[in-house]
Amino acid sequence: MIVSDLIIETTPRPGVTQFTLNRPDKRNALSNALIAALAEAIDRARGSDVVRCCVLVGAGNVFSAGADISEMEAQGIEAIDNSTRRRDWETIEKFPKPIIAAVEGFAFGGGHELAMLTDFVVAAEDSRFGQPEINLGILPGDGGTQRLTRVIGKGLAMR
């Protein structure tokens, strides 16, 4: 089942719903529209008695390159202080059923933050994680600095 052109929803096994971030030409960059489509799909799964857990994957050979930088440039400061986007992230974070991020390739910036929203991260051996926003002169905007220390501990986060 295709939820939108940005999120592909499939059922690989009974009780499991897989959501594929579907922007391989943009390395699955997290545009506002993609995050909104994912939040909508997850919200629908919340009310389903059939769905027992969800798996997030990226189309192609990458989980997500992070935020859609071209979209951020076009929006200016509004891209950083976006209450709709924050609500969408909260919908994902507060999902009451287990979510697994199956990471292949890299999960940078917002892609890394999205993976940290999940209950479990399963990563391919050659996967890479990072918060490269500092190269743009900004902090991780969707809670990455706080989440990272909670997930892996302060010692590893400081490396």
Protein backbone atom coordinates (compact mmCIF):
# COMPACT_ATOMS: atom_id res chain seq x y z
CA MET A 1 0.00 0.00 0.00
CA ILE A 2 1.35 3.44 -0.85
CA VAL A 3 0.39 6.11 1.69
CA SER A 4 1.87 8.89 -0.44
CA ASP A 5 4.72 9.22 -2.87
CA LEU A 6 6.90 10.04 0.18
CA ILE A 7 6.00 7.11 2.47
CA ILE A 8 5.42 3.57 1.24
CA GLU A 9 3.53 1.37 3.69
CA THR A 10 3.84 -2.41 3.44
CA THR A 11 3.08 -5.39 5.66
CA PRO A 12 6.07 -7.77 5.46
CA ARG A 13 4.54 -10.05 8.14
CA PRO A 14 1.28 -10.15 10.02
CA GLY A 15 1.28 -7.47 12.72
CA VAL A 16 4.28 -5.62 11.27
CA THR A 17 3.88 -2.41 9.29
CA GLN A 18 6.89 -1.11 7.41
CA PHE A 19 7.18 2.54 6.47
CA THR A 20 9.72 3.34 3.76
CA LEU A 21 11.05 6.89 3.49
CA ASN A 22 10.76 7.28 -0.27
CA ARG A 23 12.98 10.09 -1.54
CA PRO A 24 16.00 8.11 -2.76
CA ASP A 25 16.91 10.84 -5.26
CA LYS A 26 17.36 13.20 -2.27
CA ARG A 27 18.88 10.52 -0.02
CA ASN A 28 15.57 10.38 1.84
CA ALA A 29 15.97 13.97 3.05
CA LEU A 30 13.34 14.81 5.63
CA SER A 31 11.19 17.50 4.07
CA ASN A 32 8.28 18.86 6.07
CA ALA A 33 5.94 16.96 3.73
CA LEU A 34 7.75 13.65 4.34
CA ILE A 35 7.69 14.08 8.13
CA ALA A 36 3.98 15.03 7.97
CA ALA A 37 3.21 11.95 5.83
CA LEU A 38 5.14 9.71 8.24
CA ALA A 39 3.37 11.18 11.28
CA GLU A 40 0.01 10.69 9.56
CA ALA A 41 0.83 7.06 8.72
CA ILE A 42 2.02 6.37 12.26
CA ASP A 43 -1.06 8.02 13.72
CA ARG A 44 -3.20 5.72 11.57
CA ALA A 45 -1.23 2.70 12.80
CA ARG A 46 -1.85 3.82 16.39
CA GLY A 47 -5.57 3.15 15.98
CA SER A 48 -5.13 -0.20 14.25
CA ASP A 49 -5.66 -3.42 16.19
CA VAL A 50 -3.76 -5.27 13.46
CA VAL A 51 -0.49 -3.33 13.79
CA ARG A 52 1.69 -4.61 16.62
CA CYS A 53 4.94 -2.86 15.66
CA CYS A 54 6.38 -0.64 12.93
CA VAL A 55 9.68 -0.67 11.07
CA LEU A 56 11.19 2.43 9.47
CA VAL A 57 13.53 2.00 6.50
CA GLY A 58 14.95 4.25 3.82
CA ALA A 59 14.54 3.66 0.09
CA GLY A 60 17.75 2.91 -1.74
CA ASN A 61 20.96 2.42 0.17
CA VAL A 62 20.52 5.14 2.78
CA PHE A 63 18.25 5.63 5.79
CA SER A 64 18.18 9.44 5.66
CA ALA A 65 20.61 12.27 4.94
CA GLY A 66 18.69 14.43 7.40
CA ALA A 67 16.81 17.65 6.84
CA ASP A 68 16.04 18.85 3.35
CA ILE A 69 18.59 21.68 3.25
CA SER A 70 17.13 23.27 0.11
CA GLU A 71 13.74 23.48 1.86
CA MET A 72 15.39 25.00 4.94
CA GLU A 73 17.18 27.61 2.85
CA ALA A 74 13.92 28.60 1.16
CA GLN A 75 12.07 28.90 4.49
CA GLY A 76 14.74 30.81 6.36
CA ILE A 77 14.37 31.09 10.15
CA GLU A 78 10.88 29.54 10.01
CA ALA A 79 12.56 26.23 9.15
CA ILE A 80 14.16 26.16 12.59
CA ASP A 81 11.12 27.20 14.63
CA ASN A 82 8.39 25.07 13.06
CA SER A 83 5.61 24.07 15.48
CA THR A 84 3.89 21.78 12.95
CA ARG A 85 7.11 19.82 12.46
CA ARG A 86 7.57 19.56 16.24
CA ARG A 87 4.04 18.13 16.59
CA ASP A 88 4.79 15.60 13.84
CA TRP A 89 7.99 14.50 15.63
CA GLU A 90 6.01 14.21 18.87
CA THR A 91 3.42 11.99 17.14
CA ILE A 92 6.25 9.65 16.13
CA GLU A 93 7.98 9.76 19.52
CA LYS A 94 4.82 9.04 21.52
CA PHE A 95 3.65 6.10 19.39
CA PRO A 96 2.60 3.47 21.97
CA LYS A 97 3.73 0.43 19.96
CA PRO A 98 7.37 -0.53 19.29
CA ILE A 99 9.08 1.19 16.38
CA ILE A 100 12.28 -0.24 14.91
CA ALA A 101 14.63 1.81 12.73
CA ALA A 102 16.36 -0.50 10.25
CA VAL A 103 19.32 1.63 9.20
CA GLU A 104 21.31 0.90 6.08
CA GLY A 105 23.87 3.38 4.83
CA PHE A 106 23.88 6.62 6.74
CA ALA A 107 21.57 8.37 9.17
CA PHE A 108 22.76 11.95 9.47
CA GLY A 109 21.22 14.96 11.18
CA GLY A 110 17.45 14.63 11.23
CA GLY A 111 17.78 11.04 9.97
CA HIS A 112 19.87 10.24 13.05
CA GLU A 113 17.31 12.06 15.22
CA LEU A 114 14.49 10.07 13.61
CA ALA A 115 16.32 6.82 14.37
CA MET A 116 16.74 7.95 17.99
CA LEU A 117 12.96 8.48 18.27
CA THR A 118 12.44 4.75 17.79
CA ASP A 119 12.52 2.03 20.41
CA PHE A 120 15.20 -0.05 18.67
CA VAL A 121 17.81 0.66 16.03
CA VAL A 122 19.09 -2.21 13.92
CA ALA A 123 21.99 -1.06 11.78
CA ALA A 124 23.95 -2.65 8.97
CA GLU A 125 27.61 -3.13 9.81
CA ASP A 126 28.66 -0.30 7.48
CA SER A 127 26.01 2.18 8.65
CA ARG A 128 27.13 5.63 9.74
CA PHE A 129 25.45 7.98 12.21
CA GLY A 130 26.17 11.65 12.77
CA GLN A 131 24.99 15.15 13.59
CA PRO A 132 26.74 17.28 10.94
CA GLU A 133 24.54 20.35 11.53
CA ILE A 134 27.47 22.06 13.21
CA ASN A 135 28.94 22.46 9.71
CA LEU A 136 25.93 24.66 8.91
CA GLY A 137 26.32 26.66 12.12
CA ILE A 138 23.21 25.22 13.79
CA LEU A 139 22.44 22.76 16.57
CA PRO A 140 20.40 19.62 15.95
CA GLY A 141 16.92 21.13 15.75
CA ASP A 142 14.68 18.22 16.65
CA GLY A 143 16.07 17.29 20.05
CA GLY A 144 19.16 15.43 18.87
CA THR A 145 21.57 16.71 21.50
CA GLN A 146 19.26 15.75 24.35
CA ARG A 147 18.23 12.42 22.83
CA LEU A 148 21.76 11.34 21.96
CA THR A 149 22.97 11.55 25.56
CA ARG A 150 19.88 9.66 26.77
CA VAL A 151 20.34 6.92 24.17
CA ILE A 152 24.09 6.29 24.29
CA GLY A 153 25.25 8.11 27.42
CA LYS A 154 27.25 11.28 27.85
CA GLY A 155 30.66 9.66 27.39
CA LEU A 156 29.95 8.31 23.92
CA ALA A 157 27.98 11.41 22.91
CA MET A 158 30.99 13.62 23.67
CA ARG A 159 33.25 11.70 21.26
